[in-house]
Structures are given as structure tokens and as C-alpha cells.
């Protein structure tokens, strides 16, 4: 197990600066460093976005105080938290199957491209979500094994659900799926725990659950647009394909790299296909073994169905949530598919006896090795491109750290630094020194929505290129632009202002491949006014 954790750490920290620090990855940094709060109370950050709490920001306050803000201090802690997730997954499978199967399951998670690559950049964010999900599953299984209704595993599972929801509100997908699947599969155990409990106490528990659900709905429903029934059918295939490319690593390769390598698609759906195959084979050849062994097999079967029901319930909720549509959303399904697959394989193997069991285990091991080899191929295709900074799309470029170093030196000469395109400002505010970070202003919305036909077009040009402000204007090169309209409008506005900002020719070549920097030539005759806070793009 220790060797697997070390292997995962090596995979997740390989070329730790690549890909570059992404805009969304840095959302929590402002709250953790006290530079920017979305919602707070008495200076304490509470929310970093309308749908995400400040739990991660609280975790990183001592980290940044000791080590500062860098790719290493941002990414190494989430890798260590993910090691905790792997350990909890191992404990969960060991409790339901055997230590050997738990090791095999953990090995499958260690080479899973979606888990390795998306936890490295905590894209979503997903790391704390996966940790609390694993913790909740383990504690709930432990609670189901006890005879008492109230115990510390139940309290821990409830706490894990609460913290997961506070971390990000879409954790409610998992909570709803968990409650429904547990009531269906483990109702017998739950009913036994309720035996002897007074009816008044049961009524109080039911009231508390309903009240908690109503409170969650009050928080979540204003953030969710009602789905259109006509669009749901199309989203089923769309979300399934998204789940598939997330599992294989094609999603990250497509989004990160200009020319991603070819990655096999089949390992994504192969897990569920194998699960269905093992279950069908089991039902076809199942023979009840000795009475002492039957409960073991029954437990594995129920565990498999439990995971499949949760997988299905979460997938349905993703489909009917219009805002869901990224790989970080479908990663919510991990590792329920793998858990179900390993439980089904274990069940099939243990219905056999003698030499047949060894043959079945050997064949399953070969299938696992083929699947793991394909996943390793996906990881290798990413690692090969990690070594070349020019292979990344602009918004994921590792050169954002070089740009921050450039601004720390040259930003002293200007009053303001304007970000023309999306995907630059959040990182630079966090990476630059505090005095430089104060000057950085995200103005991409101003440039994106400007039009020469609008009545205030001329006034916007004068305010943007004020002769009283000496400024730098940062944008991606044309090839790397996120919003080409913003870049085009900036150049047009600059032309109307008499080319008030000139392209900087002393930018190092490495930066010039990704970023273009303009500098106003006017003398400083006054202080700039504070720009209106702009909404971050999600």
C-alpha cells in the first residue's frame, strides 16, 4: 500500500509546474491570503464563489503563511489529501472484500488518468469532494455493521456530508444518491437499528432530515436553472461521452494541449461493461456454496448494487442540472464504477471452487493489467507533453509564473496592469507581490462587450486609455486567445485612442509565444481610479 501511495505521489507531482496554474484553480487563493473575499464575516472567508465554500481556503491559510504562493505550495497539499482518499478507498474495499482485492482496487485508482491528473490541478475543485465522499462511504459501511442507531461512525458520516456540501454545493448529488441507495439496499439493517427506538425519536429524526433537505433546497435551487425536458434526452449521451473521456484522460489532453496525443477511448466504458459481464456470468453460473460462505457473497453483491445505484443516481442528477458540463462534474462518479466492478469480479470468482477459482482470478488479473496498461499509456502521453511548455494552450501555460516574475520587476514603473483576456488575472494577483497584485485588474469583460456602435463607446475608450494613467495591458497572443473578440476590440480601441499603448518589444521570447504586452507611453500625472470589480468567468 505504501508503494502504491508513493507511485501515485510520483505521478501526480511529475513536472508539478505543468500544466500552468489555471484561472479556476486559483479561486481560493485570494480568500486564503486575505486579498479577496467573495463572501465573508468579520474578515473570515465563508464563500469563494456563489456555489463553493471557503473550506479549502481555510486549509491553505497556514500553508501560504509558511511557504508562500507557488505551484508547489498549491498542488502538493492536494496530492497528499488524495493519498488519504486512496487509503480510505483501500479500507472500504478491504472491509467489504479482502486485503488482496483492496490492493488491486487501489492500484487501479493510482493509474486512473481522471483521478491522477484532475486532482493534481484540483480542477473543479474535486480533491476535497473525493476525500469526503470516500470518508463518508467508509464510515457508513462501518455504521451498518453496528447494532446501534447512534454511534460515532454515523456522526462522522453526517459531518463528512456537511463538509463536502460546504466545500462545493454540487456535493448534494452524492448525498441524495447515498441516501436513496442506502435505503434501498440496506433497509433491513436500518430497520433493525430502529427497533426499540421510541416513535417520538424516529419522528424527530425524520423531521430533522426533512428540515435539512429543505435548507439545502433553499440554498441550491436559486443557483440551478430548471431543465428543459426536450434537452434532457440529448444530454444523456453528451454526459455519457463526457464521463468516458474523463475516465480515459482525453478530456484533460484536449483542454490542456494544442496537439494532444491519441488516447484509447475504450477503457472508460470498459469498467461498466466488465461489471455487467461479471454480474451476468455470476447469475448464470451461481451455485450457493456452504452456508458459512454465503453471507460473504451476499455482502459483495449488495455492495456492488449499492455502488451501481449511487452511480446511476449521480449520473441522472448531472444530466438534469443544466450548469453541469465539465470533466470535474463527471469525476463525481469516480470511483463508484471501479468499486462496483471489483465487487462484481470478486463475487464471480468466489462462486467457483478449487482450480476454477484460480483460473478465474488469473483471467481477471490479465484483464486488469490490460486496462491498467491503457491507462498508463494515457498518463505517459500527458507526461511526454509536460516537458514542453510550448505544447500547452495559453490559459494552461506554465509560463504564467514567468509572467508574474516579469511583472514583479516591470510593474513598478506603472500605475495599473489591465488584463485584456480571461485566464490571466486570477493567477497573477496571487503570484505577484502584494504591491504589484494591487495594480492588476481583470478588464476582459469591458473589452469583450465593447462595440463602436454603442453610445458610450468613445467614453469607454477615453477611460480605458486615460492619459493620466501609465499602464500595462496583458493579453494572449492571437493563437492562444480565450476570447478573440476581447483582443480584437482592445486593438481597435487602442487604434481609436491614437495607439496610446505600444507593444513591448523587450518581452522575453518565452513569454512572447503566449502573452502580448502593451505599455502606455503617457507620463504619470495622477493616480488611477479603482476599477469596478468584474465577475469571474466560470
Protein backbone atom coordinates (compact mmCIF):
# COMPACT_ATOMS: atom_id res chain seq x y z
CA UNK A 1 0.00 0.00 0.00
CA UNK A 2 2.83 2.38 0.82
CA UNK A 3 4.41 1.61 -2.55
CA UNK A 4 1.14 2.47 -4.32
CA UNK A 5 0.86 5.77 -2.45
CA UNK A 6 4.44 6.62 -3.42
CA UNK A 7 3.68 5.75 -7.05
CA UNK A 8 0.61 7.99 -7.04
CA UNK A 9 2.60 10.84 -5.49
CA UNK A 10 5.25 10.44 -8.19
CA UNK A 11 2.62 10.51 -10.97
CA UNK A 12 0.73 13.49 -9.54
CA UNK A 13 3.83 15.59 -8.82
CA UNK A 14 5.70 14.84 -12.06
CA UNK A 15 6.56 18.22 -13.63
CA UNK A 16 4.49 19.85 -10.90
CA UNK A 17 4.51 23.22 -12.66
CA UNK A 18 2.82 21.67 -15.71
CA UNK A 19 0.15 22.43 -16.67
CA UNK A 20 0.29 26.06 -15.62
CA UNK A 21 -1.75 27.38 -12.72
CA UNK A 22 -5.26 27.68 -14.16
CA UNK A 23 -7.73 30.50 -13.50
CA UNK A 24 -10.26 28.35 -11.59
CA UNK A 25 -7.51 26.55 -9.68
CA UNK A 26 -6.57 29.88 -8.10
CA UNK A 27 -10.06 30.94 -6.99
CA UNK A 28 -9.45 30.04 -3.36
CA UNK A 29 -6.06 31.75 -3.10
CA UNK A 30 -7.48 35.26 -2.65
CA UNK A 31 -9.53 34.15 0.34
CA UNK A 32 -6.64 32.14 1.82
CA UNK A 33 -4.25 35.09 1.61
CA UNK A 34 -6.76 37.76 2.64
CA UNK A 35 -6.51 39.60 -0.69
CA UNK A 36 -10.04 38.97 -1.96
CA UNK A 37 -13.23 37.66 -0.34
CA UNK A 38 -16.37 36.74 -2.23
CA UNK A 39 -18.40 36.43 0.96
CA UNK A 40 -17.04 36.78 4.46
CA UNK A 41 -17.92 37.70 8.01
CA UNK A 42 -15.66 39.78 10.24
CA UNK A 43 -12.82 39.18 7.78
CA UNK A 44 -13.33 35.40 7.84
CA UNK A 45 -13.92 33.97 4.34
CA UNK A 46 -17.14 31.97 4.04
CA UNK A 47 -17.65 31.57 0.29
CA UNK A 48 -15.17 31.77 -2.59
CA UNK A 49 -17.97 31.61 -5.19
CA UNK A 50 -21.79 31.50 -5.16
CA UNK A 51 -21.62 27.70 -5.10
CA UNK A 52 -18.39 26.96 -3.20
CA UNK A 53 -17.46 27.42 0.44
CA UNK A 54 -14.13 28.55 1.83
CA UNK A 55 -13.12 25.21 3.36
CA UNK A 56 -10.12 24.82 1.06
CA UNK A 57 -9.09 28.42 1.73
CA UNK A 58 -9.09 27.74 5.48
CA UNK A 59 -6.92 24.67 4.92
CA UNK A 60 -4.34 26.67 3.00
CA UNK A 61 -4.01 29.69 5.32
CA UNK A 62 -1.10 28.14 7.30
CA UNK A 63 0.41 26.64 4.13
CA UNK A 64 0.67 30.01 2.38
CA UNK A 65 1.80 31.72 5.60
CA UNK A 66 4.75 29.31 5.82
CA UNK A 67 5.66 28.67 2.17
CA UNK A 68 4.08 31.48 0.13
CA UNK A 69 2.05 31.04 -3.05
CA UNK A 70 3.58 28.83 -5.74
CA UNK A 71 2.73 25.82 -7.85
CA UNK A 72 4.36 23.55 -5.26
CA UNK A 73 2.55 25.01 -2.23
CA UNK A 74 -0.77 24.91 -4.11
CA UNK A 75 -0.51 21.41 -5.58
CA UNK A 76 1.48 19.32 -3.12
CA UNK A 77 -1.17 19.54 -0.33
CA UNK A 78 -3.96 18.33 -2.63
CA UNK A 79 -1.79 15.40 -3.72
CA UNK A 80 -1.33 14.45 -0.06
CA UNK A 81 -5.08 14.76 0.56
CA UNK A 82 -5.63 12.45 -2.43
CA UNK A 83 -3.31 9.92 -0.78
CA UNK A 84 -5.77 9.99 2.12
CA UNK A 85 -8.58 9.32 -0.36
CA UNK A 86 -6.71 6.28 -1.67
CA UNK A 87 -6.16 4.99 1.86
CA UNK A 88 -9.88 5.33 2.64
CA UNK A 89 -10.76 3.54 -0.60
CA UNK A 90 -8.41 0.71 0.35
CA UNK A 91 -10.00 0.44 3.80
CA UNK A 92 -13.51 0.44 2.30
CA UNK A 93 -12.77 -2.39 -0.16
CA UNK A 94 -10.83 -4.38 2.43
CA UNK A 95 -13.82 -4.17 4.76
CA UNK A 96 -16.20 -5.47 2.09
CA UNK A 97 -13.95 -7.84 0.12
CA UNK A 98 -10.38 -8.91 1.09
CA UNK A 99 -6.98 -7.21 1.54
CA UNK A 100 -5.73 -8.57 -1.80
CA UNK A 101 -8.70 -7.18 -3.69
CA UNK A 102 -8.30 -3.88 -1.85
CA UNK A 103 -4.72 -3.61 -3.10
CA UNK A 104 -5.82 -4.36 -6.67
CA UNK A 105 -8.55 -1.70 -6.42
CA UNK A 106 -6.10 0.87 -5.08
CA UNK A 107 -3.68 0.10 -7.91
CA UNK A 108 -6.47 0.72 -10.43
CA UNK A 109 -7.15 4.11 -8.84
CA UNK A 110 -3.44 5.02 -8.82
CA UNK A 111 -3.23 4.77 -12.63
CA UNK A 112 -6.66 6.30 -13.34
CA UNK A 113 -5.95 9.38 -15.54
CA UNK A 114 -9.02 11.30 -14.39
CA UNK A 115 -8.08 10.89 -10.75
CA UNK A 116 -4.33 11.49 -11.13
CA UNK A 117 -4.49 14.49 -13.49
CA UNK A 118 -7.55 16.32 -12.21
CA UNK A 119 -6.58 16.04 -8.56
CA UNK A 120 -3.14 17.43 -9.41
CA UNK A 121 -4.70 20.70 -10.58
CA UNK A 122 -7.75 20.29 -8.29
CA UNK A 123 -9.88 21.26 -11.22
CA UNK A 124 -13.41 21.88 -10.08
CA UNK A 125 -12.36 21.71 -7.22
CA UNK A 126 -12.55 17.93 -6.77
CA UNK A 127 -9.95 16.85 -4.21
CA UNK A 128 -11.88 17.55 -1.02
CA UNK A 129 -15.05 16.26 -2.68
CA UNK A 130 -13.42 12.89 -3.38
CA UNK A 131 -11.90 12.74 0.11
CA UNK A 132 -15.18 13.41 1.93
CA UNK A 133 -17.02 11.00 -0.37
CA UNK A 134 -14.56 8.19 0.45
CA UNK A 135 -14.69 9.04 4.16
CA UNK A 136 -18.48 9.03 4.17
CA UNK A 137 -18.70 5.66 2.38
CA UNK A 138 -16.24 4.05 4.79
CA UNK A 139 -17.95 5.41 7.91
CA UNK A 140 -21.41 4.48 6.67
CA UNK A 141 -20.34 0.89 5.98
CA UNK A 142 -18.86 0.75 9.46
CA UNK A 143 -22.10 2.10 10.91
CA UNK A 144 -24.17 -0.50 9.06
CA UNK A 145 -22.11 -3.23 10.76
CA UNK A 146 -23.00 -1.99 14.23
CA UNK A 147 -26.25 -2.75 16.03
CA UNK A 148 -26.78 0.75 17.42
CA UNK A 149 -28.60 3.57 15.69
CA UNK A 150 -26.47 6.33 17.21
CA UNK A 151 -22.71 5.88 17.08
CA UNK A 152 -19.61 7.83 16.15
CA UNK A 153 -19.41 6.42 12.56
CA UNK A 154 -22.88 7.85 11.83
CA UNK A 155 -21.91 11.20 13.33
CA UNK A 156 -18.72 11.14 11.27
CA UNK A 157 -20.57 10.30 8.05
CA UNK A 158 -23.04 13.17 8.63
CA UNK A 159 -20.15 15.54 9.33
CA UNK A 160 -18.36 14.40 6.16
CA UNK A 161 -21.51 15.08 4.11
CA UNK A 162 -21.85 18.53 5.67
CA UNK A 163 -18.22 19.45 5.00
CA UNK A 164 -18.46 18.09 1.44
CA UNK A 165 -21.52 20.25 0.78
CA UNK A 166 -19.82 23.31 2.27
CA UNK A 167 -16.77 22.69 0.08
CA UNK A 168 -18.97 22.77 -3.04
CA UNK A 169 -22.73 22.69 -3.25
CA UNK A 170 -22.93 20.05 -6.00
CA UNK A 171 -21.86 17.53 -3.33
CA UNK A 172 -25.61 17.28 -2.82
CA UNK A 173 -25.60 14.93 -5.84
CA UNK A 174 -23.69 12.40 -3.79
CA UNK A 175 -25.74 12.94 -0.62
CA UNK A 176 -29.04 12.33 -2.43
CA UNK A 177 -27.64 9.26 -4.19
CA UNK A 178 -26.20 7.91 -0.94
CA UNK A 179 -29.47 8.26 0.99
CA UNK A 180 -31.55 6.67 -1.75
CA UNK A 181 -29.20 3.76 -2.45
CA UNK A 182 -28.66 3.01 1.24
CA UNK A 183 -32.40 2.90 1.99
CA UNK A 184 -32.95 0.53 -0.95
CA UNK A 185 -30.04 -1.86 -0.37
CA UNK A 186 -29.56 -1.76 3.40
CA UNK A 187 -33.11 -1.18 4.62
CA UNK A 188 -33.00 -4.42 6.63
CA UNK A 189 -30.04 -3.20 8.70
CA UNK A 190 -31.57 0.25 9.15
CA UNK A 191 -34.91 -1.18 10.26
CA UNK A 192 -33.12 -3.40 12.81
CA UNK A 193 -31.42 -0.33 14.28
CA UNK A 194 -34.78 1.42 14.62
CA UNK A 195 -36.20 -1.49 16.61
CA UNK A 196 -36.59 -0.43 20.21
CA UNK A 197 -36.27 3.27 19.41
CA UNK A 198 -39.28 5.33 20.52
CA UNK A 199 -41.66 6.57 17.85
CA UNK A 200 -41.17 10.15 19.02
CA UNK A 201 -37.44 9.89 18.43
CA UNK A 202 -37.98 8.39 14.95
CA UNK A 203 -40.38 11.25 14.17
CA UNK A 204 -37.79 13.76 15.39
CA UNK A 205 -35.10 12.19 13.18
CA UNK A 206 -37.42 12.26 10.15
CA UNK A 207 -38.27 15.91 10.87
CA UNK A 208 -34.58 16.81 11.13
CA UNK A 209 -33.83 15.10 7.80
CA UNK A 210 -36.73 16.92 6.10
CA UNK A 211 -35.63 20.25 7.60
CA UNK A 212 -32.03 19.72 6.47
CA UNK A 213 -33.27 18.82 2.98
CA UNK A 214 -35.45 21.94 2.84
CA UNK A 215 -32.49 24.11 3.91
CA UNK A 216 -30.30 22.59 1.22
CA UNK A 217 -33.01 23.22 -1.39
CA UNK A 218 -33.25 26.85 -0.32
CA UNK A 219 -29.51 27.21 -0.91
CA UNK A 220 -29.25 25.18 -4.11
CA UNK A 221 -32.44 25.90 -6.07
CA UNK A 222 -31.71 29.64 -6.68
CA UNK A 223 -28.43 28.57 -8.32
CA UNK A 224 -29.99 25.96 -10.61
CA UNK A 225 -31.86 26.71 -13.81
CA UNK A 226 -34.88 24.49 -14.46
CA UNK A 227 -34.04 21.87 -17.09
CA UNK A 228 -35.98 21.59 -20.31
CA UNK A 229 -37.39 18.11 -20.85
CA UNK A 230 -36.58 18.26 -24.56
CA UNK A 231 -32.89 18.81 -23.84
CA UNK A 232 -32.55 16.02 -21.27
CA UNK A 233 -32.52 13.22 -23.84
CA UNK A 234 -29.65 14.86 -25.73
CA UNK A 235 -27.71 15.47 -22.52
CA UNK A 236 -27.77 11.78 -21.61
CA UNK A 237 -25.45 10.90 -24.49
CA UNK A 238 -23.45 14.10 -24.02
CA UNK A 239 -22.78 13.42 -20.33
CA UNK A 240 -22.03 9.75 -21.00
CA UNK A 241 -19.38 10.71 -23.56
CA UNK A 242 -18.03 13.27 -21.11
CA UNK A 243 -17.77 10.60 -18.41
CA UNK A 244 -15.96 8.40 -20.91
CA UNK A 245 -13.35 10.99 -21.93
CA UNK A 246 -12.87 11.99 -18.29
CA UNK A 247 -12.07 8.38 -17.35
CA UNK A 248 -9.54 7.92 -20.14
CA UNK A 249 -7.79 11.29 -19.79
CA UNK A 250 -8.86 12.53 -23.20
CA UNK A 251 -10.71 15.44 -21.60
CA UNK A 252 -7.62 16.89 -19.95
CA UNK A 253 -5.46 16.20 -23.01
CA UNK A 254 -7.89 18.03 -25.30
CA UNK A 255 -8.25 21.03 -22.99
CA UNK A 256 -4.59 21.36 -21.98
CA UNK A 257 -2.64 20.72 -25.16
CA UNK A 258 -2.60 22.31 -28.60
CA UNK A 259 -1.98 18.92 -30.25
CA UNK A 260 -2.96 16.12 -27.83
CA UNK A 261 -1.70 12.62 -28.43
CA UNK A 262 -4.06 9.84 -29.41
CA UNK A 263 -5.60 8.20 -26.34
CA UNK A 264 -7.68 4.97 -26.41
CA UNK A 265 -11.33 5.60 -25.64
CA UNK A 266 -12.47 2.13 -24.62
CA UNK A 267 -11.14 1.97 -21.01
CA UNK A 268 -13.81 4.48 -19.94
CA UNK A 269 -16.85 2.33 -20.68
CA UNK A 270 -14.91 -0.92 -20.26
CA UNK A 271 -15.26 -0.73 -16.46
CA UNK A 272 -19.06 -0.74 -16.54
CA UNK A 273 -19.08 -3.29 -19.36
CA UNK A 274 -16.91 -5.60 -17.24
CA UNK A 275 -19.20 -5.05 -14.24
CA UNK A 276 -22.27 -6.05 -16.25
CA UNK A 277 -20.45 -9.07 -17.68
CA UNK A 278 -19.34 -10.34 -14.27
CA UNK A 279 -22.84 -9.95 -12.86
CA UNK A 280 -24.42 -11.78 -15.80
CA UNK A 281 -21.86 -14.59 -15.53
CA UNK A 282 -22.47 -14.78 -11.81
CA UNK A 283 -26.22 -15.05 -12.21
CA UNK A 284 -25.74 -17.67 -14.93
CA UNK A 285 -23.33 -19.92 -13.01
CA UNK A 286 -24.12 -19.07 -9.43
CA UNK A 287 -24.33 -22.02 -7.11
CA UNK A 288 -24.88 -21.46 -3.46
CA UNK A 289 -21.78 -22.56 -1.58
CA UNK A 290 -21.56 -23.73 2.00
CA UNK A 291 -23.80 -21.78 4.35
CA UNK A 292 -20.82 -20.20 6.10
CA UNK A 293 -19.64 -18.66 2.85
CA UNK A 294 -22.95 -17.41 1.52
CA UNK A 295 -23.12 -14.22 3.66
CA UNK A 296 -19.74 -13.15 2.24
CA UNK A 297 -21.03 -13.46 -1.31
CA UNK A 298 -24.33 -11.77 -0.43
CA UNK A 299 -22.42 -8.87 1.10
CA UNK A 300 -20.32 -8.38 -2.04
CA UNK A 301 -23.43 -8.49 -4.24
CA UNK A 302 -25.26 -5.90 -2.17
CA UNK A 303 -22.17 -3.70 -2.08
CA UNK A 304 -21.96 -3.89 -5.89
CA UNK A 305 -25.63 -2.96 -6.32
CA UNK A 306 -25.23 -0.15 -3.77
CA UNK A 307 -22.39 1.40 -5.79
CA UNK A 308 -24.25 0.98 -9.09
CA UNK A 309 -27.36 2.68 -7.69
CA UNK A 310 -25.29 5.62 -6.45
CA UNK A 311 -23.52 5.85 -9.81
CA UNK A 312 -26.84 5.90 -11.65
CA UNK A 313 -28.43 8.45 -9.30
CA UNK A 314 -25.47 10.84 -9.56
CA UNK A 315 -25.40 10.49 -13.35
CA UNK A 316 -29.12 11.33 -13.58
CA UNK A 317 -28.63 14.42 -11.41
CA UNK A 318 -25.73 15.57 -13.59
CA UNK A 319 -27.92 15.16 -16.69
CA UNK A 320 -30.79 17.25 -15.30
CA UNK A 321 -28.50 20.01 -13.97
CA UNK A 322 -28.04 22.46 -16.87
CA UNK A 323 -24.89 24.04 -15.39
CA UNK A 324 -23.10 20.66 -15.29
CA UNK A 325 -20.94 20.03 -18.31
CA UNK A 326 -17.28 19.70 -17.35
CA UNK A 327 -14.96 16.78 -16.61
CA UNK A 328 -14.81 17.90 -12.98
CA UNK A 329 -18.56 17.22 -12.73
CA UNK A 330 -18.42 13.68 -14.10
CA UNK A 331 -15.46 12.91 -11.82
CA UNK A 332 -18.11 12.85 -9.08
CA UNK A 333 -18.87 9.34 -10.42
CA UNK A 334 -15.36 8.12 -9.52
CA UNK A 335 -14.65 5.57 -8.01
CA UNK A 336 -18.18 4.15 -7.78
CA UNK A 337 -17.74 2.47 -11.16
CA UNK A 338 -14.49 0.80 -10.07
CA UNK A 339 -15.97 -0.23 -6.70
CA UNK A 340 -18.89 -1.93 -8.44
CA UNK A 341 -16.59 -3.62 -10.95
CA UNK A 342 -14.27 -5.08 -8.32
CA UNK A 343 -17.21 -6.25 -6.19
CA UNK A 344 -18.75 -8.00 -9.22
CA UNK A 345 -15.42 -9.63 -10.13
CA UNK A 346 -14.90 -10.77 -6.53
CA UNK A 347 -18.41 -12.20 -6.43
CA UNK A 348 -17.92 -14.12 -9.68
CA UNK A 349 -14.57 -15.55 -8.60
CA UNK A 350 -15.83 -16.75 -5.24
CA UNK A 351 -18.82 -18.59 -6.65
CA UNK A 352 -16.30 -21.08 -8.03
CA UNK A 353 -14.21 -23.57 -6.14
CA UNK A 354 -10.85 -25.26 -6.46
CA UNK A 355 -8.87 -24.84 -9.66
CA UNK A 356 -11.67 -22.92 -11.39
CA UNK A 357 -11.31 -20.11 -8.86
CA UNK A 358 -7.58 -19.74 -9.59
CA UNK A 359 -8.24 -19.72 -13.35
CA UNK A 360 -10.96 -17.05 -12.97
CA UNK A 361 -8.69 -14.92 -10.77
CA UNK A 362 -5.86 -15.22 -13.30
CA UNK A 363 -8.12 -14.18 -16.18
CA UNK A 364 -9.44 -11.20 -14.18
CA UNK A 365 -5.88 -10.21 -13.37
CA UNK A 366 -4.98 -10.24 -17.07
CA UNK A 367 -8.00 -8.04 -17.86
CA UNK A 368 -6.93 -5.64 -15.09
CA UNK A 369 -3.37 -5.46 -16.45
CA UNK A 370 -4.61 -4.71 -19.98
CA UNK A 371 -6.90 -1.98 -18.67
CA UNK A 372 -4.15 -0.52 -16.45
CA UNK A 373 -1.72 -0.58 -19.39
CA UNK A 374 -4.11 1.55 -21.44
CA UNK A 375 -4.48 4.00 -18.53
CA UNK A 376 -0.69 4.18 -18.16
CA UNK A 377 -0.47 4.95 -21.88
CA UNK A 378 -2.77 7.92 -21.32
CA UNK A 379 -0.64 9.15 -18.41
CA UNK A 380 2.53 8.75 -20.47
CA UNK A 381 1.06 10.79 -23.33
CA UNK A 382 0.44 13.62 -20.85
CA UNK A 383 3.86 13.33 -19.21
CA UNK A 384 5.62 13.47 -22.57
CA UNK A 385 3.98 16.82 -23.36
CA UNK A 386 4.56 18.15 -19.83
CA UNK A 387 8.23 18.58 -20.67
CA UNK A 388 7.49 21.09 -23.45
CA UNK A 389 5.94 24.33 -22.17
CA UNK A 390 5.03 25.39 -25.72
CA UNK A 391 2.70 22.37 -26.08
CA UNK A 392 0.08 23.91 -23.77
CA UNK A 393 -2.80 26.13 -24.71
CA UNK A 394 -2.32 29.66 -23.42
CA UNK A 395 -4.64 29.51 -20.44
CA UNK A 396 -2.81 26.38 -19.18
CA UNK A 397 0.72 27.59 -19.96
CA UNK A 398 3.34 27.14 -17.18
CA UNK A 399 4.80 30.45 -18.35
CA UNK A 400 2.27 32.31 -16.22
CA UNK A 401 4.86 32.06 -13.42
CA UNK A 402 7.48 33.70 -15.67
CA UNK A 403 4.94 36.43 -16.45
CA UNK A 404 4.48 37.05 -12.73
CA UNK A 405 8.26 37.39 -12.31
CA UNK A 406 8.31 39.84 -15.24
CA UNK A 407 5.57 41.98 -13.66
CA UNK A 408 7.26 41.96 -10.25
CA UNK A 409 10.18 43.74 -11.91
CA UNK A 410 8.49 45.90 -14.55
CA UNK A 411 5.19 46.50 -12.80
CA UNK A 412 6.86 49.03 -10.50
CA UNK A 413 7.01 51.51 -13.38
CA UNK A 414 3.24 51.67 -13.98
CA UNK A 415 0.12 52.60 -12.07
CA UNK A 416 -2.15 49.84 -13.35
CA UNK A 417 -1.97 46.46 -15.07
CA UNK A 418 -5.05 45.58 -17.13
CA UNK A 419 -5.86 42.01 -18.19
CA UNK A 420 -7.45 42.15 -21.62
CA UNK A 421 -8.34 38.44 -21.91
CA UNK A 422 -9.82 35.88 -19.49
CA UNK A 423 -7.49 33.46 -17.76
CA UNK A 424 -4.62 35.74 -16.69
CA UNK A 425 -5.69 37.97 -13.83
CA UNK A 426 -6.57 35.49 -11.10
CA UNK A 427 -3.20 33.77 -11.27
CA UNK A 428 -1.18 36.98 -11.43
CA UNK A 429 -2.95 38.55 -8.45
CA UNK A 430 -1.93 35.52 -6.41
CA UNK A 431 1.59 35.02 -7.75
CA UNK A 432 2.78 38.64 -7.85
CA UNK A 433 3.96 40.59 -4.82
CA UNK A 434 1.18 42.35 -2.93
CA UNK A 435 2.08 45.84 -4.23
CA UNK A 436 2.06 44.60 -7.81
CA UNK A 437 -1.04 42.43 -7.32
CA UNK A 438 -2.99 45.51 -6.18
CA UNK A 439 -2.42 47.05 -9.62
CA UNK A 440 -3.77 44.06 -11.57
CA UNK A 441 -7.34 44.46 -12.76
CA UNK A 442 -9.41 41.97 -14.73
CA UNK A 443 -10.95 44.08 -17.51
CA UNK A 444 -11.69 41.38 -20.09
CA UNK A 445 -15.44 41.99 -19.85
CA UNK A 446 -15.00 45.65 -20.77
CA UNK A 447 -13.09 44.74 -23.92
CA UNK A 448 -15.27 41.74 -24.80
CA UNK A 449 -18.53 43.69 -24.72
CA UNK A 450 -17.25 46.94 -26.23
CA UNK A 451 -18.62 47.97 -29.61
CA UNK A 452 -18.04 51.05 -31.70
CA UNK A 453 -21.81 51.16 -32.27
CA UNK A 454 -22.65 51.66 -28.59
CA UNK A 455 -23.42 55.21 -27.40
CA UNK A 456 -20.72 55.08 -24.71
CA UNK A 457 -18.03 53.62 -27.00
CA UNK A 458 -15.92 56.80 -27.15
CA UNK A 459 -16.19 57.43 -23.41
CA UNK A 460 -15.07 53.84 -22.72
CA UNK A 461 -12.02 54.32 -24.96
CA UNK A 462 -11.04 57.52 -23.16
CA UNK A 463 -11.48 55.91 -19.73
CA UNK A 464 -9.53 52.80 -20.75
CA UNK A 465 -6.57 54.69 -22.27
CA UNK A 466 -6.53 57.61 -19.87
CA UNK A 467 -3.59 59.99 -20.36
CA UNK A 468 -3.38 60.24 -16.57
CA UNK A 469 -2.60 56.56 -16.11
CA UNK A 470 0.56 54.76 -17.08
CA UNK A 471 -0.45 51.14 -17.57
CA UNK A 472 0.44 47.72 -18.92
CA UNK A 473 -2.12 45.79 -20.95
CA UNK A 474 -1.81 41.99 -20.91
CA UNK A 475 -3.41 39.70 -23.47
CA UNK A 476 -2.82 36.31 -25.01
CA UNK A 477 -1.30 36.11 -28.45
CA UNK A 478 -3.81 35.60 -31.24
CA UNK A 479 -3.19 31.85 -31.32
CA UNK A 480 -3.81 31.44 -27.57
CA UNK A 481 -6.65 33.91 -27.11
CA UNK A 482 -9.59 32.73 -24.98
CA UNK A 483 -11.95 35.48 -26.13
CA UNK A 484 -10.76 36.65 -29.56
CA UNK A 485 -13.42 39.39 -29.51
CA UNK A 486 -11.83 40.93 -26.42
CA UNK A 487 -8.41 41.04 -28.06
CA UNK A 488 -9.81 42.40 -31.34
CA UNK A 489 -11.79 45.12 -29.54
CA UNK A 490 -8.75 46.10 -27.47
CA UNK A 491 -6.66 46.60 -30.60
CA UNK A 492 -9.47 48.62 -32.21
CA UNK A 493 -9.91 50.76 -29.10
CA UNK A 494 -6.18 51.34 -28.92
CA UNK A 495 -6.19 52.46 -32.55
CA UNK A 496 -9.02 54.92 -31.87
CA UNK A 497 -7.01 56.24 -28.92
CA UNK A 498 -4.11 57.05 -31.26
CA UNK A 499 -2.12 53.93 -30.34
CA UNK A 500 -1.79 55.13 -26.76
CA UNK A 501 -0.41 51.70 -25.81
CA UNK A 502 2.55 50.31 -27.74
CA UNK A 503 3.57 46.65 -27.89
CA UNK A 504 6.52 45.97 -25.58
CA UNK A 505 9.45 44.65 -27.62
CA UNK A 506 11.68 43.66 -24.69
CA UNK A 507 9.41 40.82 -23.53
CA UNK A 508 11.45 37.60 -23.25
CA UNK A 509 10.85 35.22 -26.19
CA UNK A 510 9.31 32.54 -23.97
CA UNK A 511 6.62 34.99 -22.83
CA UNK A 512 6.10 36.36 -26.31
CA UNK A 513 4.97 32.95 -27.52
CA UNK A 514 1.99 33.07 -25.17
CA UNK A 515 1.40 36.62 -23.97
CA UNK A 516 1.45 40.01 -25.65
CA UNK A 517 2.17 43.07 -23.52
CA UNK A 518 1.34 46.68 -24.36
CA UNK A 519 2.52 49.72 -22.42
CA UNK A 520 1.09 53.23 -22.44
CA UNK A 521 3.69 55.91 -23.20
CA UNK A 522 1.96 58.73 -21.36
CA UNK A 523 3.59 60.40 -18.37
CA UNK A 524 2.16 59.76 -14.94
CA UNK A 525 0.21 62.80 -13.81
CA UNK A 526 -2.24 61.22 -11.43
CA UNK A 527 -3.38 58.08 -9.69
CA UNK A 528 -5.75 55.68 -11.41
CA UNK A 529 -9.25 55.21 -10.09
CA UNK A 530 -10.23 51.80 -8.84
CA UNK A 531 -11.87 49.69 -11.49
CA UNK A 532 -15.26 48.18 -10.88
CA UNK A 533 -14.99 44.57 -9.70
CA UNK A 534 -15.61 42.27 -12.61
CA UNK A 535 -17.35 38.92 -12.35
CA UNK A 536 -15.13 35.91 -12.85
CA UNK A 537 -15.89 33.66 -15.78
CA UNK A 538 -16.82 30.07 -14.94
